[in-house]
Protein backbone atom coordinates (compact mmCIF):
# COMPACT_ATOMS: atom_id res chain seq x y z
CA MET A 1 -224.96 -117.70 -27.11
CA LYS A 2 -225.62 -114.19 -26.79
CA GLU A 3 -224.11 -110.92 -28.17
CA LEU A 4 -223.89 -108.26 -26.59
CA ARG A 5 -222.05 -105.31 -24.95
CA THR A 6 -221.69 -104.89 -21.32
CA HIS A 7 -218.82 -104.34 -18.92
CA HIS A 8 -218.66 -105.80 -15.06
CA ALA A 9 -217.07 -104.09 -12.12
CA GLY A 10 -213.23 -105.43 -11.88
CA ALA A 11 -213.00 -105.96 -15.98
CA GLN A 12 -210.38 -103.62 -17.46
CA TRP A 13 -212.78 -102.68 -20.42
CA PRO A 14 -215.84 -103.15 -21.97
CA THR A 15 -216.15 -105.66 -23.71
CA ILE A 16 -218.36 -106.54 -27.34
CA GLY A 17 -218.59 -109.79 -28.41
CA ARG A 18 -220.18 -113.53 -27.84
CA ILE A 19 -220.72 -114.08 -24.53
CA ALA A 20 -221.48 -117.44 -22.25
CA CYS A 21 -222.67 -118.10 -18.84
CA VAL A 22 -221.25 -121.91 -17.43
CA GLY A 23 -222.22 -122.77 -14.01
CA ARG A 24 -223.45 -121.25 -11.18
CA LEU A 25 -222.68 -117.24 -11.02
CA SER A 26 -220.67 -116.11 -7.81
CA PRO A 27 -222.60 -114.70 -4.88
CA GLN A 28 -220.93 -111.58 -5.32
CA HIS A 29 -222.24 -111.23 -9.11
CA GLU A 30 -225.47 -112.08 -8.32
CA ALA A 31 -225.89 -109.63 -5.66
CA MET A 32 -224.55 -107.11 -8.47
CA LYS A 33 -227.67 -104.77 -9.60
CA ARG A 34 -227.75 -104.34 -13.41
CA VAL A 35 -227.53 -100.75 -14.58
CA LEU A 36 -228.68 -99.27 -18.28
CA ILE A 37 -227.24 -96.76 -19.46
CA VAL A 38 -228.74 -95.06 -22.31
CA GLU A 39 -227.17 -91.80 -23.96
CA ASP A 40 -226.55 -91.16 -27.22
CA GLN A 41 -223.69 -89.06 -27.04
CA PRO A 42 -220.31 -91.57 -27.01
CA GLU A 43 -218.77 -89.00 -24.25
CA ILE A 44 -221.04 -88.21 -21.48
CA ARG A 45 -222.13 -92.60 -21.74
CA GLU A 46 -218.12 -92.93 -21.43
CA LEU A 47 -218.28 -90.79 -18.03
CA ILE A 48 -221.12 -92.59 -16.51
CA HIS A 49 -219.43 -95.65 -17.09
CA MET A 50 -216.01 -94.46 -15.57
CA THR A 51 -218.40 -93.07 -12.65
CA LEU A 52 -219.87 -96.76 -12.25
CA GLU A 53 -217.07 -99.35 -13.35
CA PHE A 54 -215.33 -99.85 -9.86
CA GLU A 55 -218.81 -100.15 -7.63
CA ASN A 56 -220.81 -103.00 -7.65
CA TYR A 57 -222.95 -102.41 -11.20
CA GLU A 58 -222.84 -104.61 -13.81
CA LEU A 59 -223.03 -102.53 -16.83
CA HIS A 60 -224.89 -102.34 -19.83
CA GLU A 61 -225.13 -99.33 -22.44
CA ALA A 62 -227.88 -98.25 -25.28
CA PRO A 63 -227.07 -95.24 -27.90
CA ASN A 64 -231.04 -94.50 -28.13
CA GLY A 65 -234.20 -95.84 -26.33
CA ASP A 66 -235.15 -97.83 -29.65
CA ALA A 67 -231.51 -99.80 -28.52
CA ALA A 68 -232.71 -99.79 -25.12
CA LEU A 69 -235.91 -101.20 -25.55
CA GLN A 70 -234.42 -104.71 -26.57
CA MET A 71 -231.54 -104.66 -24.30
CA ILE A 72 -233.70 -104.00 -21.32
CA GLU A 73 -236.00 -107.19 -22.31
CA LYS A 74 -232.42 -109.18 -22.56
CA VAL A 75 -231.40 -107.11 -19.55
CA LYS A 76 -233.93 -106.43 -17.34
CA PRO A 77 -232.30 -103.90 -15.52
CA ASP A 78 -232.79 -103.20 -11.86
CA LEU A 79 -232.24 -99.11 -12.85
CA LEU A 80 -232.16 -97.32 -16.29
CA LEU A 81 -230.39 -94.20 -16.73
CA LEU A 82 -232.04 -92.37 -19.52
CA ASP A 83 -230.91 -89.30 -20.94
CA VAL A 84 -233.99 -87.00 -22.28
CA MET A 85 -233.57 -86.47 -25.86
CA MET A 86 -232.43 -89.06 -28.01
CA PRO A 87 -232.34 -89.24 -31.49
CA GLY A 88 -234.63 -91.83 -33.27
CA SER A 89 -238.71 -92.98 -32.48
CA LEU A 90 -237.68 -93.10 -28.84
CA ASN A 91 -236.80 -90.05 -26.24
CA GLY A 92 -236.27 -90.91 -22.94
CA LEU A 93 -239.72 -89.52 -21.51
CA GLU A 94 -241.17 -92.15 -24.03
CA LEU A 95 -239.09 -94.88 -22.46
CA CYS A 96 -239.59 -94.10 -19.32
CA LYS A 97 -243.50 -94.43 -19.72
CA ARG A 98 -242.86 -98.07 -22.02
CA VAL A 99 -240.90 -99.50 -19.19
CA LYS A 100 -242.85 -97.66 -16.14
CA ALA A 101 -246.08 -99.71 -18.22
CA ASP A 102 -244.89 -103.37 -19.07
CA PRO A 103 -245.34 -105.67 -15.49
CA ASN A 104 -242.56 -107.05 -16.26
CA HIS A 105 -240.22 -103.93 -15.41
CA LYS A 106 -241.77 -101.84 -13.77
CA LYS A 107 -240.36 -102.22 -10.81
CA ALA A 108 -237.01 -101.20 -12.42
CA LYS A 109 -235.93 -97.65 -11.03
CA VAL A 110 -235.13 -94.47 -13.67
CA VAL A 111 -233.56 -92.07 -13.58
CA MET A 112 -233.90 -89.06 -15.76
CA LEU A 113 -230.50 -87.48 -17.17
CA SER A 114 -230.90 -83.81 -19.34
CA ALA A 115 -229.72 -80.30 -20.12
CA ARG A 116 -233.22 -79.38 -19.75
CA SER A 117 -233.52 -78.27 -16.02
CA GLN A 118 -236.94 -75.89 -15.71
CA ALA A 119 -239.25 -77.19 -13.07
CA SER A 120 -241.58 -78.21 -16.13
CA ASP A 121 -239.04 -80.60 -17.50
CA ARG A 122 -238.75 -82.01 -14.17
CA GLN A 123 -242.39 -82.50 -13.66
CA ALA A 124 -242.61 -84.54 -17.24
CA GLY A 125 -240.01 -86.42 -16.46
CA LEU A 126 -241.87 -87.30 -13.24
CA THR A 127 -244.72 -87.89 -14.67
CA ALA A 128 -243.35 -90.19 -17.14
CA GLY A 129 -242.94 -92.35 -14.20
CA ALA A 130 -238.99 -91.39 -13.32
CA ASP A 131 -237.82 -91.88 -9.81
CA ALA A 132 -235.72 -89.26 -10.06
CA TYR A 133 -234.45 -86.44 -13.00
CA LEU A 134 -230.46 -85.37 -12.76
CA SER A 135 -229.75 -81.68 -14.36
CA LYS A 136 -226.81 -82.44 -16.71
CA PRO A 137 -223.61 -80.85 -16.45
CA PHE A 138 -224.01 -83.53 -13.28
CA SER A 139 -220.57 -84.26 -10.93
CA PRO A 140 -219.94 -87.92 -11.02
CA ARG A 141 -220.05 -87.67 -7.54
CA GLU A 142 -223.55 -86.61 -7.52
CA LEU A 143 -224.77 -89.03 -9.66
CA LEU A 144 -223.33 -91.95 -7.42
CA GLN A 145 -224.81 -90.90 -4.25
CA LEU A 146 -228.03 -90.85 -5.99
CA ILE A 147 -228.10 -94.28 -7.22
CA THR A 148 -226.50 -95.68 -4.59
CA ARG A 149 -229.55 -94.19 -2.65
CA MET A 150 -232.26 -95.80 -5.24
CA VAL A 151 -230.73 -99.28 -5.39
């Protein structure tokens, strides 16, 4: 059994606890794309979660880059939503570089989320390997459209 925080579309709220998978997953569940939301501000993390929870995504959350790095190995996300500025030893740019350098995860799509919106900030995100860069504040619709195009 694994202990992690996760949320599946259709569930009423995220769960924290032990999850055991027995038997085969339904075809609908197998087709779900795994999204890891990495954001240190709980309010923004919740907004992103609420935006995606009724879509066909398996959602996972991490409050910083260090926790995200551990979750990436367990979850193997198809898409990472990374805040650029986070506390800890790994900010979003460094985490993106690590993910894209890892042969096991380099196919994962990465969207950088940041309050920094200068051209040089966007370029830094793309140079780190991000597939897209979205400036805060962003609308839920804008985020959803971007994610739909990417996965």
